[in-house]
Amino acid sequence: MSKVIKVGYAIYPSVKLRLPKFNAKKGIEEMVFAKELLFGDYIKPQVVNGDYVRKVVVEKEMEVEYIQVRSRNMDGYIKESEIQVERPLEVNFVDVGQGDGCHIVTPDDKHFIVDAGESDNMYRFLKWRFNIGTSKTAPPPFTIVISHPDADHYAGFTKIFEKTPKAAQQFKIEKVYHNGMVEGSGGVDTLGTYYKVKRGENYITDLCDTQEDYKKRVADKSVKHGDYINLLEKTEADKQALRAGMDPIYDKDGLKIEVKGPFAETINGKAALPVFGGDKGMTKNGHSIILKLTMGHIRILLGGDLNTDSEYYLIRKYSGVDIPAVQKELSLKKTKAERKTVLEGQLEDAITLTRQELEVDIAKSCHHGSADFTSDFLRVLNPIVTVISSGDNEPHVHPRPDTLGTIGKFSRGERSLIFSTELARSGKEFVELDKIQSDDVKRERAVTVYGMINVRTDGNRAIIAQKLESPAANRGWDIHKLEWREAKREFEYIME
């Protein structure tokens, strides 16, 4: 008898959960498709007297053995070879509407939420996933990352931070990371202290880098408590700012989550963030927290709402090259050919050097696919896969047509992949399901199942999957595969 796995996970790339059905015409019992399980889906086998509950059926004149399991709220059968002990990294790009929302599950079951959109869609997803209404098991504690203080990234945490009425379980917040700009209501100085240096560059200083800094900001009577502070006050979890160069926020079992931005300068002995475009909104967006996840060979980037100014700033910090200044000199008629050659070399050096830090295989598109980006930064990222988080009923027309075209142009491989939470749902937010009468449940079903882009990886293989709106005969997911090729030192997109 083989070793019994009490708890396991679906093997790569997916597993078909089956149900027994008697075929009257053939006079035999057969296994028929019931549900497709994604790589890494939790599977609990039924074990009796130290062994699996087994069933043998005849397929193509051969006896085939199955074991009974439960997965995705269904009892069924899989082959014993289709379950594994190792849990892959799970990155869920939740359909939060207009905004960002990402749920990360590490192989050792640590949970991170990076942004939560503006509405309650992330809350609905977590409520559905952990069944907090009736579950006897408490959900795991969450580490929160708010990339920057824009409502379409933080307001969705409201219900997550609050207690859910009459629920059997509640969410527990372990820590809140933010970018240091704890915004009150009022002018640009509510991000911190607006500071102008002699050379004409403006900075925001007096940032909330620590819990002590945060408490001082909250206690400052000159700063009114706007929506962001009111949101943060809903949880007692420790608040801390993240900066490039800090230790990874997670580093265990081959998975590392590093902070690649924002970059702080030192002004009068204090950490300060430059003002971008003389604008409060651009400054908040430009200093979004940038997280890079590395597991095995695969690299994933989450970059908040970076914009043109901040992308060039990041390239300068990582390469030492000021691309706009170089491009300006190149455009001058008086610039000699020899000098142009040097300048062109500097531009290539900027991309090459920055790629050492920021090149990835899977990138979350910054700012929901807006047009405020640079092709140089896309060249740096050089992804195979791009995921765009955007929503319906918004005035920005995200993702922009030129953004989609440029992402494709500067992505890796002959067939680069672009996914969108908005397009993954591509239907009414309220899905009509005959057996579901509650509009609230219909909405939950739509945003948590049909609009989510699922990424699962063990570092050498990855799937990117979106739910089929109408299940096919033997599958329920549209699955795309990446596999590492050691000879090429590169991931290859595996076409079916």
Protein backbone atom coordinates (compact mmCIF):
# COMPACT_ATOMS: atom_id res chain seq x y z
CA MET A 1 0.00 0.00 0.00
CA SER A 2 1.33 3.43 -0.96
CA LYS A 3 1.75 6.20 1.60
CA VAL A 4 -1.57 7.85 2.37
CA ILE A 5 -1.76 11.65 1.96
CA LYS A 6 -4.23 13.12 4.44
CA VAL A 7 -4.17 16.56 2.80
CA GLY A 8 -2.82 17.29 -0.66
CA TYR A 9 -2.99 19.47 -3.74
CA ALA A 10 -3.91 19.01 -7.39
CA ILE A 11 -0.97 18.27 -9.69
CA TYR A 12 0.13 20.46 -12.63
CA PRO A 13 -1.60 21.73 -14.71
CA SER A 14 -5.07 20.56 -13.58
CA VAL A 15 -7.02 17.51 -12.43
CA LYS A 16 -10.44 16.29 -13.47
CA LEU A 17 -12.71 15.50 -10.54
CA ARG A 18 -15.03 12.67 -11.57
CA LEU A 19 -18.27 11.07 -10.42
CA PRO A 20 -19.39 7.45 -10.92
CA LYS A 21 -22.33 6.95 -13.26
CA PHE A 22 -23.92 3.74 -14.48
CA ASN A 23 -23.96 3.39 -18.27
CA ALA A 24 -27.12 1.36 -18.94
CA LYS A 25 -26.22 0.84 -22.60
CA LYS A 26 -22.84 -0.70 -21.76
CA GLY A 27 -24.02 -2.23 -18.51
CA ILE A 28 -21.02 -0.84 -16.59
CA GLU A 29 -20.20 1.93 -14.15
CA GLU A 30 -18.11 4.78 -15.61
CA MET A 31 -16.41 7.86 -14.30
CA VAL A 32 -17.79 11.09 -15.76
CA PHE A 33 -16.33 14.60 -15.59
CA ALA A 34 -17.70 16.78 -12.78
CA LYS A 35 -15.23 19.62 -12.16
CA GLU A 36 -11.74 20.73 -13.15
CA LEU A 37 -9.32 21.37 -10.30
CA LEU A 38 -6.46 23.82 -10.82
CA PHE A 39 -2.83 23.08 -10.01
CA GLY A 40 -2.55 23.56 -6.26
CA ASP A 41 -6.24 23.23 -5.41
CA TYR A 42 -6.71 21.81 -1.91
CA ILE A 43 -7.73 18.14 -1.91
CA LYS A 44 -8.80 16.10 1.12
CA PRO A 45 -8.89 12.34 0.46
CA GLN A 46 -11.35 10.14 2.30
CA VAL A 47 -9.34 7.78 4.50
CA VAL A 48 -10.77 4.73 6.29
CA ASN A 49 -8.67 2.33 8.40
CA GLY A 50 -5.47 3.99 7.23
CA ASP A 51 -6.16 3.70 3.50
CA TYR A 52 -7.96 5.62 0.78
CA VAL A 53 -11.50 4.79 -0.17
CA ARG A 54 -10.89 3.25 -3.59
CA LYS A 55 -13.08 2.49 -6.58
CA VAL A 56 -12.17 0.47 -9.66
CA VAL A 57 -13.91 0.97 -13.00
CA VAL A 58 -13.25 -0.43 -16.46
CA GLU A 59 -11.99 2.04 -19.05
CA LYS A 60 -11.01 0.89 -22.53
CA GLU A 61 -11.12 -2.73 -21.36
CA MET A 62 -8.69 -1.99 -18.52
CA GLU A 63 -9.30 -1.68 -14.80
CA VAL A 64 -8.55 1.83 -13.52
CA GLU A 65 -8.45 2.69 -9.82
CA TYR A 66 -9.64 5.98 -8.32
CA ILE A 67 -9.63 7.38 -4.78
CA GLN A 68 -12.46 9.34 -3.20
CA VAL A 69 -11.70 12.97 -2.30
CA ARG A 70 -13.31 16.30 -1.53
CA SER A 71 -12.24 19.48 -3.32
CA ARG A 72 -13.89 22.78 -4.23
CA ASN A 73 -16.95 21.87 -2.12
CA MET A 74 -17.58 18.65 -4.03
CA ASP A 75 -17.06 14.95 -3.34
CA GLY A 76 -15.68 12.95 -6.24
CA TYR A 77 -12.89 10.73 -7.49
CA ILE A 78 -9.40 11.28 -8.86
CA LYS A 79 -6.46 9.00 -9.62
CA GLU A 80 -3.97 8.55 -6.79
CA SER A 81 -1.22 9.95 -9.03
CA GLU A 82 -3.13 13.23 -9.39
CA ILE A 83 -2.52 14.43 -5.82
CA GLN A 84 0.74 15.85 -4.46
CA VAL A 85 2.02 16.94 -1.05
CA GLU A 86 3.78 20.14 -2.16
CA ARG A 87 1.71 23.31 -2.28
CA PRO A 88 2.55 25.82 -5.05
CA LEU A 89 2.56 29.59 -4.74
CA GLU A 90 -0.89 31.02 -5.41
CA VAL A 91 -1.46 34.58 -6.68
CA ASN A 92 -5.08 35.57 -7.23
CA PHE A 93 -5.82 38.77 -9.13
CA VAL A 94 -9.35 39.37 -7.86
CA ASP A 95 -11.92 41.22 -9.92
CA VAL A 96 -12.37 44.22 -7.63
CA GLY A 97 -13.89 46.38 -10.38
CA GLN A 98 -12.02 49.63 -11.04
CA GLY A 99 -8.95 49.23 -8.85
CA ASP A 100 -6.36 46.68 -7.74
CA GLY A 101 -6.77 43.64 -5.54
CA CYS A 102 -4.40 40.70 -5.18
CA HIS A 103 -4.48 37.73 -2.79
CA ILE A 104 -1.22 35.82 -2.29
CA VAL A 105 -0.97 32.43 -0.61
CA THR A 106 2.53 31.11 0.12
CA PRO A 107 3.41 27.40 0.09
CA ASP A 108 3.36 27.44 3.92
CA ASP A 109 -0.11 29.02 3.96
CA LYS A 110 0.76 32.63 4.77
CA HIS A 111 -1.74 35.08 3.29
CA PHE A 112 -1.05 38.55 1.89
CA ILE A 113 -3.61 40.96 0.47
CA VAL A 114 -2.09 43.60 -1.78
CA ASP A 115 -4.74 46.31 -2.27
CA ALA A 116 -8.48 45.62 -2.16
CA GLY A 117 -10.16 47.88 -4.72
CA GLU A 118 -12.78 50.47 -3.80
CA SER A 119 -15.92 48.38 -3.40
CA ASP A 120 -16.50 45.28 -1.29
CA ASN A 121 -15.49 42.72 -3.94
CA MET A 122 -12.30 41.64 -2.15
CA TYR A 123 -14.32 41.17 1.03
CA ARG A 124 -16.82 39.05 -0.90
CA PHE A 125 -14.00 36.94 -2.31
CA LEU A 126 -12.47 36.31 1.12
CA LYS A 127 -15.88 35.68 2.68
CA TRP A 128 -16.59 33.12 -0.05
CA ARG A 129 -13.14 31.52 0.11
CA PHE A 130 -13.06 31.10 3.89
CA ASN A 131 -16.81 30.71 4.42
CA ILE A 132 -16.70 32.99 7.45
CA GLY A 133 -20.48 32.95 7.80
CA THR A 134 -20.71 29.36 9.05
CA SER A 135 -17.20 27.86 9.11
CA LYS A 136 -15.95 26.24 12.31
CA THR A 137 -12.37 27.12 11.35
CA ALA A 138 -11.05 30.67 11.61
CA PRO A 139 -9.44 32.11 8.48
CA PRO A 140 -5.66 32.62 8.60
CA PRO A 141 -4.30 36.02 9.69
CA PHE A 142 -3.66 38.47 6.85
CA THR A 143 -0.71 40.71 6.12
CA ILE A 144 -2.02 43.78 4.29
CA VAL A 145 -0.12 45.85 1.73
CA ILE A 146 -1.74 49.13 0.62
CA SER A 147 0.34 50.21 -2.36
CA HIS A 148 -0.67 53.88 -2.02
CA PRO A 149 -3.52 55.99 -0.57
CA ASP A 150 -5.97 56.04 -3.48
CA ALA A 151 -9.49 54.85 -2.71
CA ASP A 152 -9.55 52.30 -5.53
CA HIS A 153 -6.71 50.52 -3.75
CA TYR A 154 -7.62 50.90 -0.05
CA ALA A 155 -11.37 51.49 0.43
CA GLY A 156 -12.16 47.81 -0.17
CA PHE A 157 -10.42 46.97 3.12
CA THR A 158 -13.26 48.62 5.08
CA LYS A 159 -15.38 45.48 5.53
CA ILE A 160 -12.29 43.30 5.93
CA PHE A 161 -11.06 45.42 8.84
CA GLU A 162 -14.52 45.68 10.41
CA LYS A 163 -16.30 42.84 12.21
CA THR A 164 -18.79 40.95 10.06
CA PRO A 165 -22.17 40.86 11.85
CA LYS A 166 -23.49 37.43 12.89
CA ALA A 167 -20.57 35.60 11.25
CA ALA A 168 -19.13 32.48 12.83
CA GLN A 169 -15.61 33.74 12.13
CA GLN A 170 -13.89 37.10 11.73
CA PHE A 171 -10.86 38.26 9.76
CA LYS A 172 -7.66 38.91 11.69
CA ILE A 173 -5.19 41.54 10.46
CA GLU A 174 -1.60 40.85 11.46
CA LYS A 175 0.19 43.84 9.92
CA VAL A 176 -0.46 46.73 7.53
CA TYR A 177 2.27 47.89 5.17
CA HIS A 178 1.89 51.20 3.30
CA ASN A 179 4.05 53.67 1.34
CA GLY A 180 4.50 56.18 4.17
CA MET A 181 2.04 58.76 2.83
CA VAL A 182 -0.77 58.59 5.37
CA GLU A 183 -3.17 61.08 3.89
CA GLY A 184 -5.56 63.22 5.87
CA SER A 185 -8.05 65.56 4.21
CA GLY A 186 -6.88 68.85 2.74
CA GLY A 187 -3.97 69.93 0.55
CA VAL A 188 -0.78 68.23 -0.59
CA ASP A 189 0.89 68.77 2.80
CA THR A 190 -1.44 66.21 4.39
CA LEU A 191 0.76 63.50 2.85
CA GLY A 192 3.52 64.78 5.10
CA THR A 193 5.42 68.08 5.01
CA TYR A 194 5.77 69.78 1.63
CA TYR A 195 9.44 70.75 1.30
CA LYS A 196 11.17 72.72 -1.48
CA VAL A 197 14.95 72.60 -1.88
CA LYS A 198 17.08 75.27 -3.56
CA ARG A 199 17.52 73.44 -6.85
CA GLY A 200 13.79 73.59 -7.43
CA GLU A 201 12.87 70.01 -6.58
CA ASN A 202 9.99 69.44 -4.20
CA TYR A 203 9.69 66.66 -1.63
CA ILE A 204 7.26 65.22 0.88
CA THR A 205 8.97 64.61 4.22
CA ASP A 206 7.78 63.80 7.77
CA LEU A 207 6.46 60.49 6.47
CA CYS A 208 4.72 57.84 8.57
CA ASP A 209 7.45 55.23 8.37
CA THR A 210 6.77 53.62 11.75
CA GLN A 211 3.82 52.92 14.01
CA GLU A 212 5.02 55.79 16.20
CA ASP A 213 5.06 58.16 13.20
CA TYR A 214 1.57 57.01 12.28
CA LYS A 215 0.23 57.65 15.78
CA LYS A 216 1.70 61.16 15.74
CA ARG A 217 -0.02 61.88 12.42
CA VAL A 218 -3.34 60.65 13.75
CA ALA A 219 -2.95 62.73 16.91
CA ASP A 220 -2.01 65.90 14.98
CA LYS A 221 -4.98 68.24 15.40
CA SER A 222 -4.01 70.21 12.29
CA VAL A 223 -4.66 67.16 10.10
CA LYS A 224 -8.28 66.22 9.65
CA HIS A 225 -9.01 62.52 9.50
CA GLY A 226 -9.89 61.80 5.90
CA ASP A 227 -11.12 58.48 4.52
CA TYR A 228 -7.66 56.92 4.49
CA ILE A 229 -6.90 57.53 8.16
CA ASN A 230 -10.44 56.52 9.09
CA LEU A 231 -9.84 53.24 7.23
CA LEU A 232 -6.51 52.57 8.93
CA GLU A 233 -8.03 53.29 12.34
CA LYS A 234 -10.44 50.36 11.85
CA THR A 235 -7.62 47.92 12.63
CA GLU A 236 -5.23 47.89 15.57
CA ALA A 237 -2.58 46.08 13.51
CA ASP A 238 0.89 47.65 13.43
CA LYS A 239 1.43 50.02 10.48
CA GLN A 240 4.80 50.28 8.75
CA ALA A 241 6.05 51.93 5.57
CA LEU A 242 7.98 49.96 2.95
CA ARG A 243 11.00 51.25 1.02
CA ALA A 244 13.31 49.89 -1.63
CA GLY A 245 16.37 48.34 -0.02
CA MET A 246 14.56 46.98 3.02
CA ASP A 247 14.74 43.31 3.92
CA PRO A 248 12.17 41.14 2.11
CA ILE A 249 8.79 41.07 3.80
CA TYR A 250 8.80 37.29 3.26
CA ASP A 251 11.71 34.92 2.64
CA LYS A 252 11.05 31.24 3.25
CA ASP A 253 10.96 27.87 1.48
CA GLY A 254 12.28 29.29 -1.79
CA LEU A 255 9.82 32.19 -2.00
CA LYS A 256 11.03 35.75 -1.58
CA ILE A 257 8.88 38.90 -1.58
CA GLU A 258 11.13 41.92 -2.04
CA VAL A 259 10.38 45.63 -1.90
CA LYS A 260 11.62 47.37 -5.07
CA GLY A 261 9.99 50.75 -4.52
CA PRO A 262 9.38 53.46 -3.54
CA PHE A 263 12.83 55.02 -3.18
CA ALA A 264 13.29 57.65 -0.47
CA GLU A 265 15.82 60.47 -0.50
CA THR A 266 17.27 62.07 2.64
CA ILE A 267 16.32 65.72 3.20
CA ASN A 268 17.55 67.44 6.38
CA GLY A 269 18.25 64.04 7.87
CA LYS A 270 14.74 62.76 7.19
CA ALA A 271 13.36 60.31 4.64
CA ALA A 272 11.56 62.16 1.85
CA LEU A 273 9.77 61.27 -1.36
CA PRO A 274 10.01 63.54 -4.43
CA VAL A 275 6.90 65.27 -5.72
CA PHE A 276 6.02 64.10 -9.24
CA GLY A 277 4.57 66.56 -11.72
CA GLY A 278 3.79 69.08 -8.98
CA ASP A 279 0.66 67.06 -8.39
CA LYS A 280 -0.64 65.30 -5.27
CA GLY A 281 -2.31 62.47 -7.18
CA MET A 282 0.71 61.76 -9.37
CA THR A 283 2.94 61.78 -6.30
CA LYS A 284 0.78 59.26 -4.45
CA ASN A 285 0.58 57.01 -7.50
CA GLY A 286 4.24 57.35 -8.39
CA HIS A 287 5.37 56.19 -4.98
CA SER A 288 3.32 53.00 -5.03
CA ILE A 289 4.87 50.06 -3.25
CA ILE A 290 6.51 47.73 -5.75
CA LEU A 291 6.70 44.08 -4.77
CA LYS A 292 8.73 41.45 -6.60
CA LEU A 293 7.92 37.81 -5.89
CA THR A 294 10.60 35.29 -6.77
CA MET A 295 10.08 31.53 -6.50
CA GLY A 296 12.52 29.24 -8.23
CA HIS A 297 12.93 30.63 -11.71
CA ILE A 298 9.69 32.60 -11.83
CA ARG A 299 9.40 36.32 -11.04
CA ILE A 300 6.19 38.31 -10.52
CA LEU A 301 5.87 42.10 -10.15
CA LEU A 302 3.10 44.12 -8.47
CA GLY A 303 3.58 47.82 -9.11
CA GLY A 304 0.48 49.73 -7.96
CA ASP A 305 -0.18 52.87 -10.00
CA LEU A 306 3.28 53.82 -11.26
CA ASN A 307 3.31 56.63 -13.83
CA THR A 308 5.69 58.18 -16.37
CA ASP A 309 7.62 60.34 -13.89
CA SER A 310 8.02 57.57 -11.33
CA GLU A 311 9.08 54.99 -13.91
CA TYR A 312 11.89 57.22 -15.12
CA TYR A 313 12.80 57.97 -11.49
CA LEU A 314 13.04 54.24 -10.76
CA ILE A 315 15.21 53.62 -13.81
CA ARG A 316 17.52 56.45 -12.70
CA LYS A 317 17.76 55.01 -9.18
CA TYR A 318 18.60 51.53 -10.44
CA SER A 319 20.86 52.45 -13.38
CA GLY A 320 22.16 55.96 -12.70
CA VAL A 321 20.83 57.09 -16.10
CA ASP A 322 18.38 59.99 -16.46
CA ILE A 323 16.53 58.82 -19.56
CA PRO A 324 14.54 62.04 -20.23
CA ALA A 325 17.76 64.11 -20.05
CA VAL A 326 19.54 61.73 -22.41
CA GLN A 327 16.62 61.72 -24.83
CA LYS A 328 16.48 65.52 -24.77
CA GLU A 329 20.17 65.80 -25.65
CA LEU A 330 19.73 63.23 -28.42
CA SER A 331 16.95 65.32 -29.97
CA LEU A 332 19.11 68.45 -30.25
CA LYS A 333 20.40 69.24 -33.73
CA LYS A 334 23.74 70.39 -32.31
CA THR A 335 24.48 67.00 -30.75
CA LYS A 336 27.29 65.41 -32.75
CA ALA A 337 27.19 61.86 -34.12
CA GLU A 338 29.90 60.62 -31.76
CA ARG A 339 28.02 62.00 -28.78
CA LYS A 340 24.76 60.44 -30.01
CA THR A 341 26.44 57.04 -30.07
CA VAL A 342 27.48 57.50 -26.45
CA LEU A 343 23.99 58.63 -25.45
CA GLU A 344 22.31 55.72 -27.22
CA GLY A 345 24.64 53.40 -25.33
CA GLN A 346 23.55 55.02 -22.07
CA LEU A 347 19.91 54.34 -22.91
CA GLU A 348 20.63 50.67 -23.50
CA ASP A 349 22.69 50.51 -20.30
CA ALA A 350 19.73 51.97 -18.39
CA ILE A 351 17.43 49.18 -19.59
CA THR A 352 20.00 46.43 -19.01
CA LEU A 353 20.95 47.56 -15.50
CA THR A 354 17.35 48.11 -14.37
CA ARG A 355 16.33 44.72 -15.75
CA GLN A 356 18.66 43.13 -13.21
CA GLU A 357 16.24 44.33 -10.54
CA LEU A 358 12.85 44.58 -12.23
CA GLU A 359 12.67 42.17 -15.19
CA VAL A 360 9.91 39.62 -14.54
CA ASP A 361 7.93 36.85 -16.15
CA ILE A 362 4.50 37.97 -14.92
CA ALA A 363 3.66 41.65 -14.36
CA LYS A 364 0.56 43.29 -12.97
CA SER A 365 -0.02 46.23 -15.32
CA CYS A 366 0.49 49.50 -13.49
CA HIS A 367 -2.50 51.84 -13.08
CA HIS A 368 -5.11 49.50 -14.59
CA GLY A 369 -3.77 49.83 -18.12
CA SER A 370 -3.78 53.64 -18.22
CA ALA A 371 -1.85 55.61 -20.85
CA ASP A 372 0.46 57.18 -18.24
CA PHE A 373 3.43 54.86 -18.74
CA THR A 374 6.72 54.66 -20.62
CA SER A 375 7.76 52.15 -23.25
CA ASP A 376 11.21 52.18 -21.63
CA PHE A 377 9.78 50.80 -18.39
CA LEU A 378 7.90 48.11 -20.31
CA ARG A 379 11.20 47.18 -21.95
CA VAL A 380 12.66 46.85 -18.45
CA LEU A 381 9.87 44.56 -17.23
CA ASN A 382 9.99 42.47 -20.43
CA PRO A 383 7.23 40.10 -19.23
CA ILE A 384 5.75 37.05 -20.88
CA VAL A 385 2.44 37.59 -19.07
CA THR A 386 0.70 40.85 -18.13
CA VAL A 387 -2.39 40.99 -15.92
CA ILE A 388 -4.60 44.09 -16.01
CA SER A 389 -6.96 44.88 -13.15
CA SER A 390 -9.76 47.14 -14.38
CA GLY A 391 -13.51 47.51 -14.10
CA ASP A 392 -16.73 48.48 -15.85
CA ASN A 393 -18.64 51.74 -15.40
CA GLU A 394 -15.55 53.95 -15.12
CA PRO A 395 -14.68 57.12 -17.08
CA HIS A 396 -11.05 56.25 -17.84
CA VAL A 397 -11.61 53.60 -20.55
CA HIS A 398 -9.07 51.27 -18.93
CA PRO A 399 -7.23 49.45 -20.34
CA ARG A 400 -6.29 51.99 -23.02
CA PRO A 401 -5.89 50.72 -26.60
CA ASP A 402 -2.36 52.12 -26.92
CA THR A 403 -1.40 50.52 -23.62
CA LEU A 404 -2.51 47.08 -24.80
CA GLY A 405 -0.61 47.51 -28.05
CA THR A 406 2.57 48.68 -26.35
CA ILE A 407 2.45 45.89 -23.76
CA GLY A 408 2.32 43.38 -26.60
CA LYS A 409 5.12 45.13 -28.46
CA PHE A 410 7.52 45.11 -25.53
CA SER A 411 6.68 41.71 -24.07
CA ARG A 412 8.77 38.58 -24.42
CA GLY A 413 8.13 35.79 -26.90
CA GLU A 414 6.21 35.49 -30.13
CA ARG A 415 2.93 34.98 -28.27
CA SER A 416 2.94 37.12 -25.15
CA LEU A 417 -0.15 36.94 -22.95
CA ILE A 418 -2.38 39.76 -21.69
CA PHE A 419 -5.13 39.00 -19.16
CA SER A 420 -7.78 41.34 -17.78
CA THR A 421 -10.06 40.86 -14.78
CA GLU A 422 -12.68 42.92 -16.59
CA LEU A 423 -12.55 40.77 -19.72
CA ALA A 424 -12.36 37.53 -17.74
CA ARG A 425 -15.83 38.32 -16.43
CA SER A 426 -17.02 40.02 -19.62
CA GLY A 427 -20.65 39.84 -18.64
CA LYS A 428 -23.17 41.25 -16.22
CA GLU A 429 -21.90 41.75 -12.70
CA PHE A 430 -25.10 40.06 -11.58
CA VAL A 431 -25.05 36.61 -13.18
CA GLU A 432 -28.40 34.89 -13.55
CA LEU A 433 -28.08 31.42 -12.01
CA ASP A 434 -31.32 29.43 -11.76
CA LYS A 435 -30.51 27.92 -8.38
CA ILE A 436 -29.37 31.15 -6.77
CA GLN A 437 -32.16 33.50 -5.78
CA SER A 438 -30.26 36.14 -3.80
CA ASP A 439 -28.90 39.08 -5.80
CA ASP A 440 -26.19 39.43 -3.15
CA VAL A 441 -24.98 35.87 -3.77
CA LYS A 442 -25.18 36.34 -7.55
CA ARG A 443 -22.89 39.35 -7.28
CA GLU A 444 -20.50 37.43 -5.05
CA ARG A 445 -20.42 34.56 -7.54
CA ALA A 446 -19.65 36.86 -10.46
CA VAL A 447 -16.76 38.78 -8.96
CA THR A 448 -15.12 35.94 -7.04
CA VAL A 449 -15.29 33.20 -9.64
CA TYR A 450 -15.63 34.58 -13.15
CA GLY A 451 -13.49 37.72 -12.97
CA MET A 452 -10.40 36.38 -11.21
CA ILE A 453 -7.08 35.64 -12.90
CA ASN A 454 -5.45 32.70 -11.09
CA VAL A 455 -1.68 32.20 -11.09
CA ARG A 456 -0.16 29.03 -9.62
CA THR A 457 3.54 28.14 -9.75
CA ASP A 458 6.16 25.88 -8.22
CA GLY A 459 8.97 27.99 -9.64
CA ASN A 460 9.58 25.80 -12.68
CA ARG A 461 6.05 25.58 -14.03
CA ALA A 462 3.16 28.01 -13.89
CA ILE A 463 -0.44 28.22 -14.95
CA ILE A 464 -2.47 31.34 -15.55
CA ALA A 465 -6.15 30.45 -15.54
CA GLN A 466 -9.50 32.14 -15.94
CA LYS A 467 -12.90 30.55 -15.43
CA LEU A 468 -14.90 29.58 -18.50
CA GLU A 469 -18.22 31.39 -18.42
CA SER A 470 -19.87 28.35 -19.96
CA PRO A 471 -18.10 25.09 -18.98
CA ALA A 472 -16.90 22.85 -21.80
CA ALA A 473 -17.53 19.10 -21.86
CA ASN A 474 -14.37 18.15 -19.98
CA ARG A 475 -12.96 21.36 -18.55
CA GLY A 476 -14.01 24.41 -16.56
CA TRP A 477 -10.97 26.65 -16.99
CA ASP A 478 -9.05 28.42 -19.73
CA ILE A 479 -5.51 27.46 -18.69
CA HIS A 480 -2.24 28.81 -20.10
CA LYS A 481 1.06 27.16 -19.16
CA LEU A 482 4.63 28.37 -18.73
CA GLU A 483 7.47 25.87 -18.33
CA TRP A 484 11.13 26.52 -17.57
CA ARG A 485 13.63 25.39 -20.20
CA GLU A 486 17.06 25.02 -18.61
CA ALA A 487 18.88 24.82 -21.94
CA LYS A 488 17.52 28.23 -22.95
CA ARG A 489 17.44 29.64 -19.40
CA GLU A 490 13.97 30.86 -20.21
CA PHE A 491 10.29 30.14 -19.68
CA GLU A 492 8.40 28.80 -22.66
CA TYR A 493 4.70 29.34 -23.30
CA ILE A 494 3.20 25.90 -23.92
CA MET A 495 0.46 26.06 -26.51
CA GLU A 496 -2.21 23.34 -26.49
